[in-house]
Amino acid sequence: MGTKPTGKATQRIGRLTGIYLRPGLASARARGVKLGRQLWHRPSDKTAKKVLFLHKEGLSYRLIGRNLGLSKNTAMEIVKREEARPS
Protein backbone atom coordinates (compact mmCIF):
# COMPACT_ATOMS: atom_id res chain seq x y z
CA MET A 1 0.00 0.00 0.00
CA GLY A 2 1.26 3.43 -0.88
CA THR A 3 0.58 6.93 0.25
CA LYS A 4 -2.56 8.68 -0.94
CA PRO A 5 -2.11 11.57 -3.39
CA THR A 6 -3.11 14.10 -0.73
CA GLY A 7 -0.56 12.63 1.64
CA LYS A 8 2.18 12.92 -0.94
CA ALA A 9 1.26 16.55 -1.62
CA THR A 10 1.32 17.31 2.10
CA GLN A 11 4.75 15.71 2.46
CA ARG A 12 6.06 17.72 -0.47
CA ILE A 13 4.73 20.98 0.95
CA GLY A 14 6.31 20.14 4.30
CA ARG A 15 9.71 19.56 2.68
CA LEU A 16 9.49 22.78 0.67
CA THR A 17 8.45 24.76 3.74
CA GLY A 18 11.45 23.39 5.62
CA ILE A 19 13.78 24.32 2.79
CA TYR A 20 12.71 27.96 2.94
CA LEU A 21 12.12 28.31 6.68
CA ARG A 22 15.34 26.89 8.09
CA PRO A 23 17.71 29.42 6.49
CA GLY A 24 15.46 32.31 7.49
CA LEU A 25 15.26 31.13 11.09
CA ALA A 26 19.03 30.60 11.20
CA SER A 27 19.54 34.11 9.86
CA ALA A 28 17.21 35.57 12.48
CA ARG A 29 19.00 33.71 15.28
CA ALA A 30 22.36 34.97 13.98
CA ARG A 31 21.02 38.54 14.22
CA GLY A 32 20.04 37.89 17.83
CA VAL A 33 16.28 37.67 17.37
CA LYS A 34 14.58 35.75 20.16
CA LEU A 35 12.15 33.27 18.66
CA GLY A 36 8.94 32.07 20.27
CA ARG A 37 6.79 33.58 22.98
CA GLN A 38 9.00 35.13 25.63
CA LEU A 39 8.50 34.52 29.31
CA TRP A 40 6.11 37.07 30.87
CA HIS A 41 5.03 38.43 27.51
CA ARG A 42 1.67 36.71 27.41
CA PRO A 43 -1.41 38.87 26.84
CA SER A 44 -2.70 37.76 30.26
CA ASP A 45 0.41 39.09 32.02
CA LYS A 46 -0.96 42.63 31.83
CA THR A 47 -3.88 41.64 34.04
CA ALA A 48 -1.97 39.30 36.39
CA LYS A 49 -1.88 41.79 39.28
CA LYS A 50 -5.63 42.34 39.08
CA VAL A 51 -6.29 38.60 38.93
CA LEU A 52 -4.11 37.95 41.97
CA PHE A 53 -5.75 40.78 43.92
CA LEU A 54 -9.25 39.52 43.16
CA HIS A 55 -8.23 35.96 44.03
CA LYS A 56 -6.93 37.13 47.42
CA GLU A 57 -10.25 38.91 47.93
CA GLY A 58 -11.95 35.53 47.61
CA LEU A 59 -13.56 35.78 44.16
CA SER A 60 -13.95 32.59 42.16
CA TYR A 61 -11.99 32.06 38.96
CA ARG A 62 -15.22 32.34 37.01
CA LEU A 63 -16.08 35.75 38.49
CA ILE A 64 -12.51 36.98 38.06
CA GLY A 65 -12.64 35.96 34.42
CA ARG A 66 -15.99 37.64 33.85
CA ASN A 67 -14.86 40.88 35.50
CA LEU A 68 -11.61 41.09 33.54
CA GLY A 69 -12.70 39.60 30.23
CA LEU A 70 -10.64 36.41 30.61
CA SER A 71 -11.62 32.78 30.69
CA LYS A 72 -11.80 31.07 34.08
CA ASN A 73 -8.96 28.80 32.94
CA THR A 74 -6.72 31.79 32.21
CA ALA A 75 -7.46 33.26 35.64
CA MET A 76 -6.68 29.92 37.27
CA GLU A 77 -3.47 29.55 35.25
CA ILE A 78 -2.26 33.00 36.32
CA VAL A 79 -2.82 32.16 39.99
CA LYS A 80 -1.11 28.76 39.67
CA ARG A 81 1.86 30.32 37.84
CA GLU A 82 2.27 32.88 40.61
CA GLU A 83 1.98 30.28 43.38
CA ALA A 84 4.61 28.08 41.69
CA ARG A 85 6.98 31.00 41.26
CA PRO A 86 9.89 30.93 43.73
CA SER A 87 9.84 33.86 46.16
C-alpha atoms as a PDB file:
ATOM      1  CA  MET A   1       0.000   0.000   0.000  1.00  0.00           C
ATOM      2  CA  GLY A   2       1.262   3.429  -0.876  1.00  0.00           C
ATOM      3  CA  THR A   3       0.580   6.925   0.249  1.00  0.00           C
ATOM      4  CA  LYS A   4      -2.560   8.682  -0.943  1.00  0.00           C
ATOM      5  CA  PRO A   5      -2.113  11.571  -3.388  1.00  0.00           C
ATOM      6  CA  THR A   6      -3.110  14.097  -0.728  1.00  0.00           C
ATOM      7  CA  GLY A   7      -0.559  12.627   1.644  1.00  0.00           C
ATOM      8  CA  LYS A   8       2.184  12.920  -0.940  1.00  0.00           C
ATOM      9  CA  ALA A   9       1.265  16.552  -1.619  1.00  0.00           C
ATOM     10  CA  THR A  10       1.324  17.312   2.103  1.00  0.00           C
ATOM     11  CA  GLN A  11       4.747  15.707   2.464  1.00  0.00           C
ATOM     12  CA  ARG A  12       6.064  17.723  -0.467  1.00  0.00           C
ATOM     13  CA  ILE A  13       4.727  20.985   0.955  1.00  0.00           C
ATOM     14  CA  GLY A  14       6.313  20.143   4.297  1.00  0.00           C
ATOM     15  CA  ARG A  15       9.712  19.555   2.677  1.00  0.00           C
ATOM     16  CA  LEU A  16       9.489  22.784   0.671  1.00  0.00           C
ATOM     17  CA  THR A  17       8.455  24.760   3.738  1.00  0.00           C
ATOM     18  CA  GLY A  18      11.448  23.394   5.623  1.00  0.00           C
ATOM     19  CA  ILE A  19      13.782  24.323   2.790  1.00  0.00           C
ATOM     20  CA  TYR A  20      12.709  27.962   2.938  1.00  0.00           C
ATOM     21  CA  LEU A  21      12.115  28.307   6.678  1.00  0.00           C
ATOM     22  CA  ARG A  22      15.339  26.889   8.095  1.00  0.00           C
ATOM     23  CA  PRO A  23      17.714  29.421   6.495  1.00  0.00           C
ATOM     24  CA  GLY A  24      15.459  32.313   7.491  1.00  0.00           C
ATOM     25  CA  LEU A  25      15.261  31.129  11.095  1.00  0.00           C
ATOM     26  CA  ALA A  26      19.031  30.596  11.202  1.00  0.00           C
ATOM     27  CA  SER A  27      19.545  34.108   9.856  1.00  0.00           C
ATOM     28  CA  ALA A  28      17.209  35.568  12.479  1.00  0.00           C
ATOM     29  CA  ARG A  29      18.999  33.710  15.281  1.00  0.00           C
ATOM     30  CA  ALA A  30      22.358  34.972  13.981  1.00  0.00           C
ATOM     31  CA  ARG A  31      21.021  38.541  14.222  1.00  0.00           C
ATOM     32  CA  GLY A  32      20.043  37.886  17.832  1.00  0.00           C
ATOM     33  CA  VAL A  33      16.280  37.673  17.366  1.00  0.00           C
ATOM     34  CA  LYS A  34      14.584  35.753  20.158  1.00  0.00           C
ATOM     35  CA  LEU A  35      12.153  33.272  18.655  1.00  0.00           C
ATOM     36  CA  GLY A  36       8.936  32.066  20.268  1.00  0.00           C
ATOM     37  CA  ARG A  37       6.791  33.578  22.983  1.00  0.00           C
ATOM     38  CA  GLN A  38       8.995  35.134  25.631  1.00  0.00           C
ATOM     39  CA  LEU A  39       8.495  34.518  29.312  1.00  0.00           C
ATOM     40  CA  TRP A  40       6.111  37.073  30.871  1.00  0.00           C
ATOM     41  CA  HIS A  41       5.025  38.426  27.511  1.00  0.00           C
ATOM     42  CA  ARG A  42       1.667  36.705  27.409  1.00  0.00           C
ATOM     43  CA  PRO A  43      -1.405  38.872  26.842  1.00  0.00           C
ATOM     44  CA  SER A  44      -2.704  37.761  30.258  1.00  0.00           C
ATOM     45  CA  ASP A  45       0.413  39.090  32.022  1.00  0.00           C
ATOM     46  CA  LYS A  46      -0.964  42.630  31.832  1.00  0.00           C
ATOM     47  CA  THR A  47      -3.884  41.637  34.039  1.00  0.00           C
ATOM     48  CA  ALA A  48      -1.972  39.302  36.386  1.00  0.00           C
ATOM     49  CA  LYS A  49      -1.876  41.787  39.278  1.00  0.00           C
ATOM     50  CA  LYS A  50      -5.627  42.344  39.078  1.00  0.00           C
ATOM     51  CA  VAL A  51      -6.292  38.603  38.933  1.00  0.00           C
ATOM     52  CA  LEU A  52      -4.108  37.949  41.969  1.00  0.00           C
ATOM     53  CA  PHE A  53      -5.753  40.778  43.921  1.00  0.00           C
ATOM     54  CA  LEU A  54      -9.251  39.517  43.160  1.00  0.00           C
ATOM     55  CA  HIS A  55      -8.228  35.962  44.033  1.00  0.00           C
ATOM     56  CA  LYS A  56      -6.926  37.125  47.417  1.00  0.00           C
ATOM     57  CA  GLU A  57     -10.248  38.912  47.932  1.00  0.00           C
ATOM     58  CA  GLY A  58     -11.951  35.526  47.609  1.00  0.00           C
ATOM     59  CA  LEU A  59     -13.559  35.775  44.162  1.00  0.00           C
ATOM     60  CA  SER A  60     -13.945  32.591  42.156  1.00  0.00           C
ATOM     61  CA  TYR A  61     -11.991  32.057  38.959  1.00  0.00           C
ATOM     62  CA  ARG A  62     -15.224  32.337  37.008  1.00  0.00           C
ATOM     63  CA  LEU A  63     -16.077  35.749  38.492  1.00  0.00           C
ATOM     64  CA  ILE A  64     -12.513  36.985  38.058  1.00  0.00           C
ATOM     65  CA  GLY A  65     -12.642  35.957  34.416  1.00  0.00           C
ATOM     66  CA  ARG A  66     -15.986  37.638  33.854  1.00  0.00           C
ATOM     67  CA  ASN A  67     -14.864  40.879  35.500  1.00  0.00           C
ATOM     68  CA  LEU A  68     -11.607  41.094  33.543  1.00  0.00           C
ATOM     69  CA  GLY A  69     -12.698  39.597  30.230  1.00  0.00           C
ATOM     70  CA  LEU A  70     -10.640  36.413  30.614  1.00  0.00           C
ATOM     71  CA  SER A  71     -11.616  32.781  30.690  1.00  0.00           C
ATOM     72  CA  LYS A  72     -11.799  31.072  34.077  1.00  0.00           C
ATOM     73  CA  ASN A  73      -8.962  28.801  32.945  1.00  0.00           C
ATOM     74  CA  THR A  74      -6.720  31.787  32.213  1.00  0.00           C
ATOM     75  CA  ALA A  75      -7.458  33.256  35.642  1.00  0.00           C
ATOM     76  CA  MET A  76      -6.679  29.919  37.266  1.00  0.00           C
ATOM     77  CA  GLU A  77      -3.473  29.548  35.246  1.00  0.00           C
ATOM     78  CA  ILE A  78      -2.259  33.003  36.324  1.00  0.00           C
ATOM     79  CA  VAL A  79      -2.823  32.156  39.995  1.00  0.00           C
ATOM     80  CA  LYS A  80      -1.109  28.761  39.667  1.00  0.00           C
ATOM     81  CA  ARG A  81       1.856  30.316  37.842  1.00  0.00           C
ATOM     82  CA  GLU A  82       2.269  32.881  40.613  1.00  0.00           C
ATOM     83  CA  GLU A  83       1.980  30.279  43.383  1.00  0.00           C
ATOM     84  CA  ALA A  84       4.609  28.078  41.690  1.00  0.00           C
ATOM     85  CA  ARG A  85       6.981  30.998  41.257  1.00  0.00           C
ATOM     86  CA  PRO A  86       9.890  30.928  43.733  1.00  0.00           C
ATOM     87  CA  SER A  87       9.840  33.862  46.157  1.00  0.00           C
END
